[in-house]
Amino acid sequence: MSHMIRGEEPRLSQGDRKKNSSRTALDEMGEDGTFRRTDASWRNFISRKPGAKFPPASGRYHLFCAYACGWANRVTIVRKLKGLEDAIGVTMVMPVWQPTKPEVDGHCGWHFSDPSKKEGLTNALGLGGPFPASYPKNDPEPFFGCKTVRELYERAGDTDGKYTVPILWDKQLKTIVSNESSEIIQMLNSEFNEFAKNPDLDLEPEHLVGSMKEVDSFIYHDLNNGVYKCGFAQTQEAYDEAIEKLTSAFDRVESILSKQRYIAGDRLTLSDVRLFVTLVRFDEVYAVYFKTNTRSVASSDVLLNYVREIYQMPGIDETIDMDQIKLHYFASHPHLNKFSIVPKGPDFIGMLQQPHNRESSGDNDKKHKLTTTPSASSTDLTLDKSAWDPVLVG
């Protein structure tokens, strides 16, 4: 079962993108000062249908993601929940955008780790830092020795796009399958079950598709993308409109989750993944950097415990690196933060390691239980097998 979220507000077309030479999200601005995200440019599907160009296979596909990026975090979370680590590899890029072809243009974007670099990095203006040149969890590009994500796109013949993550890469055909996170997570959920450790976990159950469509629409427009509309707004009017919608959406998800355990109904779905990646970044980054300070997750008992529960599910904490998340945002856009000063923040991850109270939410509490050890690593977290009961997970 699948569905796609389509944009409702005006968006920049592919033609406009070429005309405007848009290279990053910072270039996607309308004449009225509003942020308008362009559509992803690679929209192929992995399918089990006979004759499909991209059939599911173990070891054929690879993901390029960033700890920093909420869109990529959707993908790493679903990969972890489904148990696809052995079937689909992943390479994590470095957090701070750097010039990608300084001899050609001014584009700054994602770089792969380069362990040979010993000197610390600065931002694109030569200020801030020094930031680490490599991280133990971030690897060099494994197939071609590319230094940047841009190089990988160019190997696939894309020389005029935004060079974004996540990327679902086909090692056999040496090309990009998709760079649209909402569709990649659907593929991981439904098309790789024969290779998954948790094949019975359906994050898009048929009986919840209607409610998922409803919540996904406003979550995308007003929260996932809404934080960027606030942060990148270039007029007061654009910001005021965006923050009003974001605040309303924040209150709406809080109201929904005060009545049921998960955002679309009686079980964890892709909609929860979409919501979680924004909420987990909200207090440390968006409330400060993108001026979304009308609300906070920490001040909401409902939302804080909701985020705690998902964070404490086995392996999810491994997909979150708050240091890299903060470093990316505060150091990659020097026109928003010239000296790349990274705020200390409220230790939101520490809050997430405390016990949650979500067992008391909803009607299926006795069947769907998480056993967690507060402040433990993911290796100490065990999921009650009843959580995979077909009654709950389809």
Protein backbone atom coordinates (compact mmCIF):
# COMPACT_ATOMS: atom_id res chain seq x y z
CA MET A 1 0.00 0.00 0.00
CA SER A 2 1.43 3.39 -0.89
CA HIS A 3 0.58 7.03 -1.11
CA MET A 4 2.47 10.18 -2.02
CA ILE A 5 2.27 13.64 -0.54
CA ARG A 6 2.00 16.30 -3.20
CA GLY A 7 2.63 20.00 -2.72
CA GLU A 8 -0.37 22.28 -2.38
CA GLU A 9 1.38 25.64 -2.27
CA PRO A 10 3.12 27.07 -5.40
CA ARG A 11 6.46 25.37 -5.95
CA LEU A 12 9.34 26.13 -8.26
CA SER A 13 9.19 24.09 -11.45
CA GLN A 14 12.14 22.26 -12.95
CA GLY A 15 12.31 24.98 -15.61
CA ASP A 16 12.40 27.74 -13.01
CA ARG A 17 15.06 25.83 -11.13
CA LYS A 18 17.33 25.74 -14.18
CA LYS A 19 16.62 29.37 -15.00
CA ASN A 20 17.44 30.42 -11.46
CA SER A 21 20.45 28.05 -11.18
CA SER A 22 19.11 26.88 -7.84
CA ARG A 23 21.65 24.71 -6.07
CA THR A 24 20.52 24.51 -2.45
CA ALA A 25 17.38 25.07 -0.42
CA LEU A 26 18.62 28.60 0.23
CA ASP A 27 17.98 29.45 -3.42
CA GLU A 28 14.36 28.28 -3.46
CA MET A 29 12.72 31.59 -2.72
CA GLY A 30 9.66 33.16 -4.31
CA GLU A 31 9.47 36.83 -5.23
CA ASP A 32 7.31 37.40 -2.14
CA GLY A 33 10.06 36.19 0.20
CA THR A 34 8.52 32.78 0.86
CA PHE A 35 10.46 29.52 0.78
CA ARG A 36 9.26 27.14 -1.96
CA ARG A 37 10.87 23.73 -1.96
CA THR A 38 11.41 22.18 -5.38
CA ASP A 39 10.34 18.62 -6.13
CA ALA A 40 12.92 15.85 -5.99
CA SER A 41 14.38 15.12 -9.42
CA TRP A 42 14.85 11.33 -9.18
CA ARG A 43 11.56 9.48 -8.69
CA ASN A 44 12.10 5.85 -9.77
CA PHE A 45 10.59 2.98 -7.78
CA ILE A 46 11.94 -0.35 -6.68
CA SER A 47 9.23 -2.84 -7.50
CA ARG A 48 8.59 -6.59 -7.33
CA LYS A 49 6.57 -6.44 -10.55
CA PRO A 50 7.94 -8.67 -13.35
CA GLY A 51 10.29 -6.79 -15.65
CA ALA A 52 10.85 -3.91 -13.25
CA LYS A 53 14.01 -1.92 -13.98
CA PHE A 54 14.78 -1.76 -10.27
CA PRO A 55 13.76 -5.06 -8.64
CA PRO A 56 14.38 -5.60 -4.91
CA ALA A 57 17.62 -7.42 -4.15
CA SER A 58 19.94 -7.80 -1.22
CA GLY A 59 23.25 -6.00 -1.68
CA ARG A 60 22.29 -4.21 -4.90
CA TYR A 61 21.25 -0.88 -3.39
CA HIS A 62 23.03 1.60 -1.15
CA LEU A 63 21.90 4.67 0.76
CA PHE A 64 23.71 7.97 1.11
CA CYS A 65 22.38 9.89 4.09
CA ALA A 66 23.29 12.52 6.69
CA TYR A 67 22.74 12.43 10.43
CA ALA A 68 22.02 16.15 10.13
CA CYS A 69 19.19 15.91 7.61
CA GLY A 70 15.65 15.18 8.79
CA TRP A 71 14.60 13.94 5.34
CA ALA A 72 17.49 11.43 5.33
CA ASN A 73 16.75 10.49 8.93
CA ARG A 74 13.34 9.22 7.81
CA VAL A 75 15.17 6.68 5.66
CA THR A 76 17.71 5.53 8.25
CA ILE A 77 14.91 5.05 10.79
CA VAL A 78 12.77 2.88 8.48
CA ARG A 79 15.85 0.88 7.45
CA LYS A 80 16.48 0.22 11.14
CA LEU A 81 12.85 -0.60 12.03
CA LYS A 82 12.51 -3.06 9.15
CA GLY A 83 15.88 -4.67 9.89
CA LEU A 84 17.40 -4.03 6.47
CA GLU A 85 20.95 -3.29 7.62
CA ASP A 86 22.36 -6.44 6.00
CA ALA A 87 20.47 -5.92 2.73
CA ILE A 88 21.05 -2.20 2.13
CA GLY A 89 24.27 -0.45 3.09
CA VAL A 90 24.50 3.19 4.11
CA THR A 91 27.16 5.88 3.98
CA MET A 92 26.77 8.96 6.17
CA VAL A 93 28.10 12.25 4.81
CA MET A 94 29.79 15.02 6.78
CA PRO A 95 27.59 17.58 8.54
CA VAL A 96 29.02 20.96 7.50
CA TRP A 97 28.48 22.12 3.93
CA GLN A 98 31.70 22.98 2.12
CA PRO A 99 32.46 24.32 -1.39
CA THR A 100 32.01 21.49 -3.89
CA LYS A 101 33.63 23.01 -7.00
CA PRO A 102 35.17 26.31 -5.97
CA GLU A 103 36.93 26.64 -9.31
CA VAL A 104 33.56 26.49 -11.12
CA ASP A 105 30.89 28.09 -8.93
CA GLY A 106 29.97 29.04 -5.40
CA HIS A 107 27.92 25.95 -4.57
CA CYS A 108 28.36 24.54 -1.07
CA GLY A 109 27.02 21.13 -0.16
CA TRP A 110 27.56 17.70 1.33
CA HIS A 111 31.04 16.18 1.48
CA PHE A 112 32.12 12.65 2.27
CA SER A 113 34.45 12.00 5.15
CA ASP A 114 38.15 12.30 4.37
CA PRO A 115 40.17 10.69 7.18
CA SER A 116 43.38 11.97 5.55
CA LYS A 117 42.43 15.53 6.47
CA LYS A 118 43.87 16.46 9.83
CA GLU A 119 43.13 20.17 9.92
CA GLY A 120 39.81 21.40 11.23
CA LEU A 121 37.26 22.95 8.87
CA THR A 122 35.64 26.38 8.82
CA ASN A 123 32.40 27.55 7.26
CA ALA A 124 32.17 28.75 3.66
CA LEU A 125 33.31 32.25 4.70
CA GLY A 126 36.42 30.87 6.36
CA LEU A 127 34.98 31.60 9.79
CA GLY A 128 33.88 29.50 12.75
CA GLY A 129 35.16 26.18 13.94
CA PRO A 130 37.48 24.51 13.65
CA PHE A 131 35.04 21.70 12.87
CA PRO A 132 36.09 18.03 12.64
CA ALA A 133 37.32 16.97 9.19
CA SER A 134 36.08 13.43 9.79
CA TYR A 135 33.98 11.41 12.22
CA PRO A 136 34.26 7.72 13.15
CA LYS A 137 30.64 7.14 12.04
CA ASN A 138 31.01 8.99 8.71
CA ASP A 139 32.71 7.08 5.92
CA PRO A 140 34.38 7.96 2.62
CA GLU A 141 32.33 7.32 -0.53
CA PRO A 142 32.85 3.56 -1.08
CA PHE A 143 32.45 3.01 -4.83
CA PHE A 144 34.14 5.75 -6.86
CA GLY A 145 36.13 7.75 -4.35
CA CYS A 146 33.86 10.77 -4.76
CA LYS A 147 34.70 13.65 -2.45
CA THR A 148 31.24 15.24 -2.61
CA VAL A 149 27.62 14.24 -3.08
CA ARG A 150 27.64 16.54 -6.11
CA GLU A 151 30.21 14.26 -7.78
CA LEU A 152 27.90 11.29 -7.22
CA TYR A 153 25.01 13.12 -8.91
CA GLU A 154 27.25 14.06 -11.81
CA ARG A 155 28.24 10.41 -12.26
CA ALA A 156 24.52 9.73 -12.71
CA GLY A 157 24.31 12.49 -15.33
CA ASP A 158 22.70 15.12 -13.10
CA THR A 159 24.63 18.38 -13.44
CA ASP A 160 21.84 20.89 -12.84
CA GLY A 161 20.03 19.81 -9.71
CA LYS A 162 20.12 20.22 -5.98
CA TYR A 163 22.63 17.71 -4.71
CA THR A 164 20.56 16.42 -1.81
CA VAL A 165 20.41 13.44 0.51
CA PRO A 166 18.97 10.89 0.96
CA ILE A 167 20.04 9.06 -2.18
CA LEU A 168 18.98 5.50 -2.99
CA TRP A 169 21.77 4.27 -5.29
CA ASP A 170 21.77 1.24 -7.61
CA LYS A 171 25.25 -0.30 -7.52
CA GLN A 172 24.49 -2.53 -10.50
CA LEU A 173 23.32 0.18 -12.91
CA LYS A 174 25.51 2.83 -11.27
CA THR A 175 22.75 5.38 -11.03
CA ILE A 176 20.33 7.06 -8.65
CA VAL A 177 17.02 5.31 -8.10
CA SER A 178 15.43 8.02 -5.96
CA ASN A 179 16.22 11.07 -3.89
CA GLU A 180 12.66 11.55 -2.61
CA SER A 181 12.59 10.50 1.03
CA SER A 182 8.81 10.03 1.26
CA GLU A 183 8.97 7.44 -1.53
CA ILE A 184 12.18 5.75 -0.39
CA ILE A 185 10.63 4.96 3.00
CA GLN A 186 7.62 3.43 1.25
CA MET A 187 9.93 1.19 -0.79
CA LEU A 188 11.85 0.11 2.30
CA ASN A 189 8.59 -0.68 4.06
CA SER A 190 7.00 -2.81 1.34
CA GLU A 191 9.49 -4.02 -1.29
CA PHE A 192 12.29 -5.66 0.71
CA ASN A 193 10.39 -7.90 3.10
CA GLU A 194 12.10 -11.07 1.87
CA PHE A 195 15.42 -9.59 3.04
CA ALA A 196 14.15 -7.86 6.20
CA LYS A 197 14.65 -9.04 9.77
CA ASN A 198 11.20 -7.63 10.60
CA PRO A 199 9.15 -8.47 7.48
CA ASP A 200 5.83 -8.53 9.34
CA LEU A 201 6.19 -4.94 10.47
CA ASP A 202 3.96 -2.91 8.14
CA LEU A 203 4.41 0.82 8.65
CA GLU A 204 1.68 1.62 6.13
CA PRO A 205 -1.22 -0.69 7.05
CA GLU A 206 -4.21 -0.54 4.74
CA HIS A 207 -6.74 0.37 7.42
CA LEU A 208 -4.76 3.50 8.36
CA VAL A 209 -3.94 4.83 4.88
CA GLY A 210 -6.77 7.36 4.99
CA SER A 211 -5.73 8.85 8.32
CA MET A 212 -2.08 8.76 7.25
CA LYS A 213 -2.85 10.84 4.18
CA GLU A 214 -4.69 13.36 6.30
CA VAL A 215 -1.96 13.86 8.89
CA ASP A 216 0.93 13.56 6.42
CA SER A 217 -0.36 16.51 4.43
CA PHE A 218 -0.36 19.08 7.22
CA ILE A 219 2.71 17.58 8.90
CA TYR A 220 4.69 18.01 5.68
CA HIS A 221 3.48 21.49 4.76
CA ASP A 222 3.37 23.09 8.20
CA LEU A 223 5.96 21.17 10.27
CA ASN A 224 8.52 19.24 8.18
CA ASN A 225 8.71 22.00 5.58
CA GLY A 226 7.17 24.61 7.86
CA VAL A 227 10.33 25.03 9.92
CA TYR A 228 12.20 25.93 6.71
CA LYS A 229 9.47 28.36 5.69
CA CYS A 230 10.02 30.13 9.00
CA GLY A 231 13.81 29.99 8.94
CA PHE A 232 14.36 31.00 5.33
CA ALA A 233 11.60 33.62 5.12
CA GLN A 234 12.88 36.89 3.68
CA THR A 235 9.96 39.11 4.63
CA GLN A 236 8.13 39.59 7.92
CA GLU A 237 4.86 38.74 6.19
CA ALA A 238 6.22 35.41 4.94
CA TYR A 239 7.55 34.54 8.40
CA ASP A 240 4.33 35.56 10.16
CA GLU A 241 2.25 33.36 7.87
CA ALA A 242 4.61 30.40 8.27
CA ILE A 243 4.89 30.61 12.06
CA GLU A 244 1.12 30.87 12.45
CA LYS A 245 0.63 27.67 10.44
CA LEU A 246 3.46 25.91 12.26
CA THR A 247 2.08 26.81 15.68
CA SER A 248 -1.38 25.59 14.71
CA ALA A 249 0.08 22.31 13.37
CA PHE A 250 2.14 21.84 16.54
CA ASP A 251 -0.98 22.22 18.66
CA ARG A 252 -2.88 19.88 16.36
CA VAL A 253 -0.41 17.00 16.69
CA GLU A 254 -0.32 17.56 20.45
CA SER A 255 -4.11 17.31 20.56
CA ILE A 256 -4.17 14.13 18.45
CA LEU A 257 -1.46 12.46 20.53
CA SER A 258 -3.21 13.32 23.78
CA LYS A 259 -6.03 11.00 22.64
CA GLN A 260 -4.13 8.17 20.91
CA ARG A 261 -0.68 6.64 21.12
CA TYR A 262 0.40 7.25 17.52
CA ILE A 263 -0.29 10.05 15.09
CA ALA A 264 -2.36 8.06 12.56
CA GLY A 265 -4.07 5.58 14.86
CA ASP A 266 -3.44 2.41 16.84
CA ARG A 267 0.13 1.64 15.82
CA LEU A 268 3.44 3.09 14.66
CA THR A 269 3.37 4.13 10.99
CA LEU A 270 5.46 6.04 8.47
CA SER A 271 3.53 9.11 9.58
CA ASP A 272 5.15 8.84 13.02
CA VAL A 273 8.57 8.66 11.38
CA ARG A 274 7.80 11.79 9.37
CA LEU A 275 6.71 13.65 12.50
CA PHE A 276 9.47 12.36 14.78
CA VAL A 277 12.37 13.64 12.66
CA THR A 278 11.11 17.22 12.98
CA LEU A 279 10.19 17.02 16.66
CA VAL A 280 13.55 15.52 17.67
CA ARG A 281 15.34 18.52 16.08
CA PHE A 282 12.83 21.12 17.19
CA ASP A 283 14.08 22.38 20.55
CA GLU A 284 17.82 22.16 19.86
CA VAL A 285 17.76 23.67 16.36
CA TYR A 286 14.53 24.95 14.88
CA ALA A 287 13.26 26.92 17.89
CA VAL A 288 16.54 28.86 17.91
CA TYR A 289 17.87 28.89 14.36
CA PHE A 290 14.60 29.02 12.43
CA LYS A 291 12.77 31.22 14.97
CA THR A 292 10.03 28.65 15.65
CA ASN A 293 9.99 29.63 19.31
CA THR A 294 6.24 29.82 19.85
CA ARG A 295 6.30 26.22 21.06
CA SER A 296 8.75 23.61 22.36
CA VAL A 297 8.61 19.84 22.65
CA ALA A 298 10.08 19.90 26.16
CA SER A 299 7.20 22.02 27.43
CA SER A 300 4.62 19.51 26.18
CA ASP A 301 4.31 16.39 28.33
CA VAL A 302 2.44 14.65 25.51
CA LEU A 303 4.97 15.37 22.76
CA LEU A 304 8.06 14.87 24.90
CA ASN A 305 6.92 11.39 25.93
CA TYR A 306 5.87 10.59 22.36
CA VAL A 307 9.36 11.47 21.09
CA ARG A 308 10.89 9.55 24.01
CA GLU A 309 9.02 6.39 23.08
CA ILE A 310 10.15 6.43 19.46
CA TYR A 311 13.73 7.37 20.37
CA GLN A 312 13.86 4.42 22.79
CA MET A 313 12.70 1.87 20.20
CA PRO A 314 15.57 -0.54 19.42
CA GLY A 315 18.24 1.09 17.29
CA ILE A 316 16.53 4.43 16.70
CA ASP A 317 19.02 6.29 18.90
CA GLU A 318 21.76 5.07 16.54
CA THR A 319 20.19 7.12 13.75
CA ILE A 320 20.36 10.36 15.77
CA ASP A 321 23.57 12.35 16.29
CA MET A 322 22.60 15.66 17.85
CA ASP A 323 26.13 17.05 17.65
CA GLN A 324 26.16 16.60 13.88
CA ILE A 325 22.59 17.86 13.57
CA LYS A 326 23.43 21.10 15.37
CA LEU A 327 26.75 21.56 13.62
CA HIS A 328 25.14 21.25 10.20
CA TYR A 329 22.48 23.86 10.77
CA PHE A 330 24.53 26.39 12.68
CA ALA A 331 27.63 26.12 10.47
CA SER A 332 26.34 25.46 6.94
CA HIS A 333 24.47 28.73 6.28
CA PRO A 334 26.91 31.52 7.15
CA HIS A 335 24.58 34.23 5.88
CA LEU A 336 22.24 33.19 8.72
CA ASN A 337 24.99 32.63 11.32
CA LYS A 338 28.19 34.31 10.15
CA PHE A 339 30.54 32.98 12.81
CA SER A 340 28.90 29.54 13.09
CA ILE A 341 28.43 29.75 16.84
CA VAL A 342 26.68 26.56 18.01
CA PRO A 343 24.35 27.14 20.99
CA LYS A 344 24.75 24.84 23.98
CA GLY A 345 21.08 23.89 24.04
CA PRO A 346 18.91 22.11 26.62
CA ASP A 347 20.42 18.58 26.33
CA PHE A 348 17.31 17.28 24.62
CA ILE A 349 18.88 13.85 24.09
CA GLY A 350 19.31 13.57 27.85
CA MET A 351 15.58 14.23 28.22
CA LEU A 352 14.82 11.47 25.72
CA GLN A 353 16.69 8.90 27.80
CA GLN A 354 14.21 9.23 30.65
CA PRO A 355 11.23 6.82 30.93
CA HIS A 356 8.19 7.60 28.79
CA ASN A 357 4.54 7.17 29.77
CA ARG A 358 3.01 6.24 26.43
CA GLU A 359 1.84 2.79 27.56
CA SER A 360 -1.17 4.57 29.03
CA SER A 361 -2.14 6.08 25.67
CA GLY A 362 -4.67 4.41 23.37
CA ASP A 363 -6.62 1.18 23.50
CA ASN A 364 -3.94 -1.40 22.62
CA ASP A 365 -1.55 -0.79 25.50
CA LYS A 366 -1.47 -4.36 26.80
CA LYS A 367 -0.59 -5.74 23.38
CA HIS A 368 1.93 -3.11 22.32
CA LYS A 369 4.56 -2.66 24.99
CA LEU A 370 8.10 -1.40 24.82
CA THR A 371 10.56 -2.62 27.42
CA THR A 372 13.29 -0.04 27.89
CA THR A 373 16.10 0.70 30.25
CA PRO A 374 16.20 4.46 30.96
CA SER A 375 19.39 6.20 29.84
CA ALA A 376 20.58 2.99 28.19
CA SER A 377 22.04 2.48 24.78
CA SER A 378 20.02 0.77 22.09
CA THR A 379 21.67 -2.55 22.86
CA ASP A 380 19.78 -2.53 26.17
CA LEU A 381 16.40 -1.95 24.54
CA THR A 382 14.13 -4.87 23.78
CA LEU A 383 10.82 -4.78 21.97
CA ASP A 384 8.12 -7.03 23.36
CA LYS A 385 7.31 -9.58 20.64
CA SER A 386 3.63 -8.79 21.09
CA ALA A 387 4.41 -5.49 19.40
CA TRP A 388 4.76 -7.45 16.16
CA ASP A 389 1.37 -9.12 16.63
CA PRO A 390 -0.33 -9.13 13.19
CA VAL A 391 -3.38 -7.59 14.84
CA LEU A 392 -1.29 -4.50 15.43
CA VAL A 393 1.15 -4.40 12.56
CA GLY A 394 -0.88 -5.81 9.69
